């Protein structure tokens, strides 16, 4: 099977549109259509359902896409490995980071790393833990910051920090003077919280199920600045990692009576190829956390 055809197939699956996929691949639309037909002919299977607006995968196409992604990633890894044997480095690190870690923990780490390795490029992608795991598995990023529980078999990780999760309220809120909060007290309030997929939200959802409580999420956003603004204006309360609240004005952090601690790790694909840049960053983070 021609791996070029698999690359074309994966692009069409991603864009769900021949024209958009052709533009991304920098080839002519008719040539891409012919290539897809050729692949379907070789396999004697229909890989796409076609209509006027978009193209979607058939069941057979879904199965092939999983294999195609693995093959394409392995080819990319092999190409990179050969380049590095000739002394050429990738020169960039693709890192997935949740919003809080990206805003409060990693800026100093990233700047210190850049000072030591000025020629390396850092690409930082803000996403939730679930999205980061998927991007790691798909080879879209090299390293990712996650909560290392129920880690997929294909990923490996190194522990970075342990941070307490605390309730966060306005300085004038009725809870502001409390030394601690019960889960029931916290969930009795209107809440602003990250959307599903972020480890803060996952933890709160778990507590709701375990304690048989109902959460009133009045606001849902992945924008940390918006969450903090809403709390500071006393429209709702939230829960964040303590490392994110220590230097923020106009808010009060309150631990829970049953403390919540999150263990944060940096992860990578076990069978993926880590470039010299990736390995340098991984070692730097281990030594400086």
Protein backbone atom coordinates (compact mmCIF):
# COMPACT_ATOMS: atom_id res chain seq x y z
CA UNK A 1 0.00 0.00 0.00
CA UNK A 2 1.32 3.46 -0.94
CA UNK A 3 1.87 5.44 2.26
CA UNK A 4 1.24 8.64 0.30
CA UNK A 5 -2.33 7.46 -0.25
CA UNK A 6 -2.72 6.90 3.48
CA UNK A 7 -1.55 10.48 4.11
CA UNK A 8 -4.14 11.75 1.62
CA UNK A 9 -6.81 9.54 3.18
CA UNK A 10 -6.06 10.84 6.71
CA UNK A 11 -6.22 14.44 5.48
CA UNK A 12 -9.65 13.95 3.91
CA UNK A 13 -10.86 12.22 7.08
CA UNK A 14 -9.65 15.16 9.15
CA UNK A 15 -11.12 17.95 6.99
CA UNK A 16 -14.24 16.05 5.83
CA UNK A 17 -13.94 18.00 2.60
CA UNK A 18 -11.90 17.27 -0.53
CA UNK A 19 -11.20 20.93 -1.33
CA UNK A 20 -10.02 21.78 2.20
CA UNK A 21 -7.89 18.63 2.37
CA UNK A 22 -6.33 19.37 -1.02
CA UNK A 23 -5.45 22.90 0.11
CA UNK A 24 -3.85 21.55 3.29
CA UNK A 25 -1.86 19.00 1.26
CA UNK A 26 -0.94 21.59 -1.39
CA UNK A 27 -2.18 19.42 -4.26
CA UNK A 28 -4.92 19.84 -6.85
CA UNK A 29 -8.43 18.76 -5.85
CA UNK A 30 -8.88 16.42 -8.85
CA UNK A 31 -5.59 14.69 -8.04
CA UNK A 32 -6.73 14.10 -4.46
CA UNK A 33 -10.08 12.71 -5.61
CA UNK A 34 -8.31 10.31 -7.97
CA UNK A 35 -5.93 9.22 -5.19
CA UNK A 36 -8.81 8.43 -2.81
CA UNK A 37 -10.61 6.46 -5.52
CA UNK A 38 -7.38 4.56 -6.18
CA UNK A 39 -7.04 3.65 -2.50
CA UNK A 40 -10.65 2.48 -2.34
CA UNK A 41 -10.06 0.46 -5.49
CA UNK A 42 -6.96 -1.20 -4.06
CA UNK A 43 -8.80 -2.13 -0.87
CA UNK A 44 -12.08 -2.94 -2.66
CA UNK A 45 -13.87 -1.02 0.06
CA UNK A 46 -15.80 2.24 0.28
CA UNK A 47 -14.01 4.45 2.81
CA UNK A 48 -16.16 7.60 2.69
CA UNK A 49 -19.83 8.54 2.54
CA UNK A 50 -20.11 11.49 0.19
CA UNK A 51 -22.69 14.27 0.16
CA UNK A 52 -22.73 17.90 -0.96
CA UNK A 53 -21.58 19.45 2.32
CA UNK A 54 -19.06 17.05 3.84
CA UNK A 55 -17.49 13.64 3.56
CA UNK A 56 -17.72 11.22 6.48
CA UNK A 57 -15.99 7.92 7.16
CA UNK A 58 -17.68 4.59 6.69
CA UNK A 59 -17.15 1.88 9.30
CA UNK A 60 -14.34 0.49 7.15
CA UNK A 61 -12.85 3.97 6.89
CA UNK A 62 -12.90 4.39 10.68
CA UNK A 63 -10.91 1.18 11.10
CA UNK A 64 -8.39 2.15 8.43
CA UNK A 65 -7.93 5.62 9.96
CA UNK A 66 -6.63 4.14 13.22
CA UNK A 67 -4.02 2.11 11.33
CA UNK A 68 -3.18 5.02 9.01
CA UNK A 69 -2.43 7.38 11.92
CA UNK A 70 -0.08 4.85 13.48
CA UNK A 71 1.74 4.21 10.20
CA UNK A 72 2.10 7.92 9.40
CA UNK A 73 3.37 8.65 12.91
CA UNK A 74 5.90 5.82 12.72
CA UNK A 75 7.17 7.12 9.39
CA UNK A 76 7.52 10.62 10.83
CA UNK A 77 9.37 9.21 13.84
CA UNK A 78 11.71 7.22 11.58
CA UNK A 79 12.44 10.27 9.42
CA UNK A 80 13.21 12.36 12.49
CA UNK A 81 15.46 9.66 13.96
CA UNK A 82 17.46 9.45 10.73
CA UNK A 83 17.84 13.23 10.58
CA UNK A 84 19.18 13.27 14.11
CA UNK A 85 21.71 10.59 13.24
CA UNK A 86 23.02 13.05 10.65
CA UNK A 87 23.27 15.68 13.38
CA UNK A 88 20.04 17.53 12.52
CA UNK A 89 17.76 18.21 15.47
CA UNK A 90 14.03 18.67 15.27
CA UNK A 91 14.49 21.97 17.05
CA UNK A 92 11.04 22.17 18.60
CA UNK A 93 9.04 20.80 21.51
CA UNK A 94 5.26 20.40 21.18
CA UNK A 95 3.82 20.52 24.70
CA UNK A 96 0.18 20.18 25.77
CA UNK A 97 -0.59 22.06 29.01
CA UNK A 98 -3.86 22.65 30.89
CA UNK A 99 -4.72 26.30 31.47
CA UNK A 100 -3.76 26.58 35.15
CA UNK A 101 -0.41 24.85 34.73
CA UNK A 102 0.30 26.93 31.65
CA UNK A 103 -0.52 30.17 33.43
CA UNK A 104 1.12 29.65 36.81
CA UNK A 105 3.62 26.79 36.78
CA UNK A 106 5.22 26.67 33.36
CA UNK A 107 6.04 30.27 32.31
CA UNK A 108 9.21 30.39 34.47
CA UNK A 109 10.17 26.84 33.43
CA UNK A 110 9.70 27.64 29.74
CA UNK A 111 11.72 30.86 29.90
CA UNK A 112 14.53 29.16 31.81
CA UNK A 113 14.62 26.34 29.26
CA UNK A 114 14.64 28.83 26.38
CA UNK A 115 17.53 30.68 28.01
CA UNK A 116 19.55 27.48 28.11
CA UNK A 117 18.54 26.32 24.61
CA UNK A 118 17.89 29.55 22.65
CA UNK A 119 17.70 27.81 19.24
CA UNK A 120 14.90 25.45 20.20
CA UNK A 121 11.29 26.33 19.50
CA UNK A 122 8.54 25.72 22.06
CA UNK A 123 4.97 25.16 20.86
CA UNK A 124 2.53 25.32 23.79
CA UNK A 125 -1.00 23.99 23.28
CA UNK A 126 -3.66 24.80 25.89
CA UNK A 127 -6.05 21.88 26.37
CA UNK A 128 -7.75 19.72 28.98
CA UNK A 129 -6.23 16.50 30.28
CA UNK A 130 -8.44 14.25 28.13
CA UNK A 131 -7.62 16.19 24.97
CA UNK A 132 -3.92 16.13 25.85
CA UNK A 133 -3.99 12.34 26.25
CA UNK A 134 -5.66 11.97 22.85
CA UNK A 135 -3.18 14.33 21.18
CA UNK A 136 -0.29 12.37 22.68
CA UNK A 137 -1.71 9.06 21.44
CA UNK A 138 -2.32 10.56 17.98
CA UNK A 139 1.21 11.99 17.81
CA UNK A 140 -0.05 15.59 17.57
CA UNK A 141 2.12 16.62 20.53
CA UNK A 142 5.33 15.17 21.95
CA UNK A 143 4.83 15.81 25.67
CA UNK A 144 1.77 16.57 27.77
CA UNK A 145 0.89 17.64 31.30
CA UNK A 146 -1.76 15.34 32.74
CA UNK A 147 -3.08 13.84 35.95
CA UNK A 148 -1.47 10.40 35.85
CA UNK A 149 -4.42 8.27 36.90
CA UNK A 150 -5.89 5.64 34.61
CA UNK A 151 -3.04 6.34 32.22
CA UNK A 152 -3.41 4.50 28.88
CA UNK A 153 -0.99 1.61 28.40
CA UNK A 154 0.58 3.40 25.42
CA UNK A 155 1.74 6.35 27.56
CA UNK A 156 4.52 6.72 30.10
CA UNK A 157 4.87 9.53 32.65
CA UNK A 158 7.05 11.21 35.25
CA UNK A 159 5.59 12.83 38.39
CA UNK A 160 6.06 16.60 38.59
CA UNK A 161 4.16 18.15 41.49
CA UNK A 162 1.37 17.57 43.98
CA UNK A 163 -0.99 20.49 44.52
CA UNK A 164 -4.03 20.88 46.73
CA UNK A 165 -7.36 21.75 45.17
CA UNK A 166 -9.10 24.55 47.08
CA UNK A 167 -12.38 26.43 46.93
CA UNK A 168 -11.95 29.99 45.65
CA UNK A 169 -14.33 32.79 46.63
CA UNK A 170 -14.56 36.58 46.60
CA UNK A 171 -13.15 38.37 49.66
CA UNK A 172 -16.69 39.51 50.58
CA UNK A 173 -18.32 36.09 50.10
CA UNK A 174 -20.09 34.51 53.08
CA UNK A 175 -17.49 31.69 53.05
CA UNK A 176 -14.47 34.04 53.03
CA UNK A 177 -13.85 33.71 56.77
CA UNK A 178 -14.12 29.94 56.92
CA UNK A 179 -11.09 27.77 57.65
CA UNK A 180 -12.45 24.89 55.55
CA UNK A 181 -15.51 23.86 53.54
CA UNK A 182 -17.52 20.69 53.31
CA UNK A 183 -18.36 19.38 49.88
CA UNK A 184 -22.03 20.05 50.61
CA UNK A 185 -21.29 23.71 51.40
CA UNK A 186 -19.26 24.13 48.23
CA UNK A 187 -21.87 22.55 45.97
CA UNK A 188 -24.66 24.62 47.53
CA UNK A 189 -23.27 27.64 45.66
CA UNK A 190 -23.40 28.77 42.05
CA UNK A 191 -20.19 27.57 40.42
CA UNK A 192 -17.94 28.68 37.57
CA UNK A 193 -15.83 25.82 36.32
CA UNK A 194 -13.79 24.43 33.48
CA UNK A 195 -15.66 22.34 30.92
CA UNK A 196 -15.54 18.56 30.98
CA UNK A 197 -12.13 17.17 30.08
CA UNK A 198 -10.10 19.25 32.55
CA UNK A 199 -8.85 17.41 35.62
CA UNK A 200 -10.38 20.00 37.99
CA UNK A 201 -13.81 19.38 36.51
CA UNK A 202 -13.32 15.61 36.47
CA UNK A 203 -12.49 15.66 40.18
CA UNK A 204 -15.56 17.72 41.06
CA UNK A 205 -17.79 15.45 38.96
CA UNK A 206 -16.33 12.43 40.78
CA UNK A 207 -17.08 14.01 44.17
CA UNK A 208 -20.65 14.82 43.12
CA UNK A 209 -21.24 11.19 42.18
CA UNK A 210 -19.60 9.81 45.32
CA UNK A 211 -21.38 12.20 47.71
CA UNK A 212 -24.67 12.17 45.76
CA UNK A 213 -24.58 15.95 45.40
CA UNK A 214 -25.77 18.16 42.55
CA UNK A 215 -23.55 20.85 41.08
CA UNK A 216 -24.97 24.17 39.87
CA UNK A 217 -22.56 25.14 37.10
CA UNK A 218 -23.77 28.64 36.26
CA UNK A 219 -20.72 29.29 34.08
CA UNK A 220 -18.56 26.86 32.11
CA UNK A 221 -15.42 28.07 30.35
CA UNK A 222 -11.90 26.95 29.63
CA UNK A 223 -10.61 30.51 30.00
CA UNK A 224 -8.91 30.86 33.37
CA UNK A 225 -8.98 34.67 33.24
CA UNK A 226 -12.77 34.57 32.84
CA UNK A 227 -13.14 32.16 35.79
CA UNK A 228 -11.08 34.45 38.03
CA UNK A 229 -12.97 37.56 36.90
CA UNK A 230 -16.34 35.94 37.69
CA UNK A 231 -15.15 34.92 41.17
CA UNK A 232 -13.66 38.36 41.86
CA UNK A 233 -16.98 39.97 40.87
CA UNK A 234 -18.74 37.53 43.26
CA UNK A 235 -21.01 36.03 40.60
CA UNK A 236 -19.93 32.47 41.49
CA UNK A 237 -17.25 30.47 43.28
CA UNK A 238 -14.86 27.89 41.88
CA UNK A 239 -12.20 25.31 42.78
CA UNK A 240 -8.61 25.62 41.55
CA UNK A 241 -5.18 24.28 42.32
CA UNK A 242 -3.60 26.16 45.21
CA UNK A 243 -0.59 27.04 43.07
CA UNK A 244 -2.91 29.20 40.95
CA UNK A 245 -4.42 31.18 43.82
CA UNK A 246 -1.41 32.05 45.98
CA UNK A 247 -0.62 35.37 44.27
CA UNK A 248 -4.07 36.34 42.96
CA UNK A 249 -5.61 39.43 44.65
CA UNK A 250 -9.29 39.85 45.61
CA UNK A 251 -9.90 36.16 46.21
CA UNK A 252 -9.76 33.81 49.19
CA UNK A 253 -8.66 30.17 49.02
CA UNK A 254 -10.34 27.72 51.36
CA UNK A 255 -9.29 24.06 51.69
CA UNK A 256 -11.92 21.34 51.83
CA UNK A 257 -12.54 19.48 55.10
CA UNK A 258 -11.58 16.35 53.19
CA UNK A 259 -8.47 17.62 51.39
CA UNK A 260 -8.19 17.11 47.63
CA UNK A 261 -4.71 16.64 46.19
CA UNK A 262 -3.94 16.25 42.50
CA UNK A 263 -0.74 14.61 41.27
CA UNK A 264 0.43 16.25 38.07
CA UNK A 265 2.75 14.43 35.67
CA UNK A 266 4.43 14.95 32.30
CA UNK A 267 3.63 12.17 29.81
CA UNK A 268 4.79 10.89 26.42
CA UNK A 269 4.14 7.94 24.11
CA UNK A 270 6.07 4.83 25.12
CA UNK A 271 6.68 3.81 21.51
CA UNK A 272 6.93 7.33 20.14
CA UNK A 273 10.22 8.88 19.13
CA UNK A 274 11.36 11.70 21.40
CA UNK A 275 13.69 14.09 19.61
CA UNK A 276 16.81 15.53 21.21
CA UNK A 277 14.81 18.68 21.89
CA UNK A 278 12.03 16.68 23.57
CA UNK A 279 14.50 14.73 25.70
CA UNK A 280 16.33 17.91 26.68
CA UNK A 281 13.05 19.51 27.78
CA UNK A 282 11.95 16.40 29.68
CA UNK A 283 15.23 16.26 31.60
CA UNK A 284 15.13 19.99 32.26
CA UNK A 285 11.61 19.80 33.72
CA UNK A 286 12.56 16.81 35.91
CA UNK A 287 15.53 18.72 37.33
CA UNK A 288 13.68 22.00 37.86
CA UNK A 289 10.26 21.08 39.23
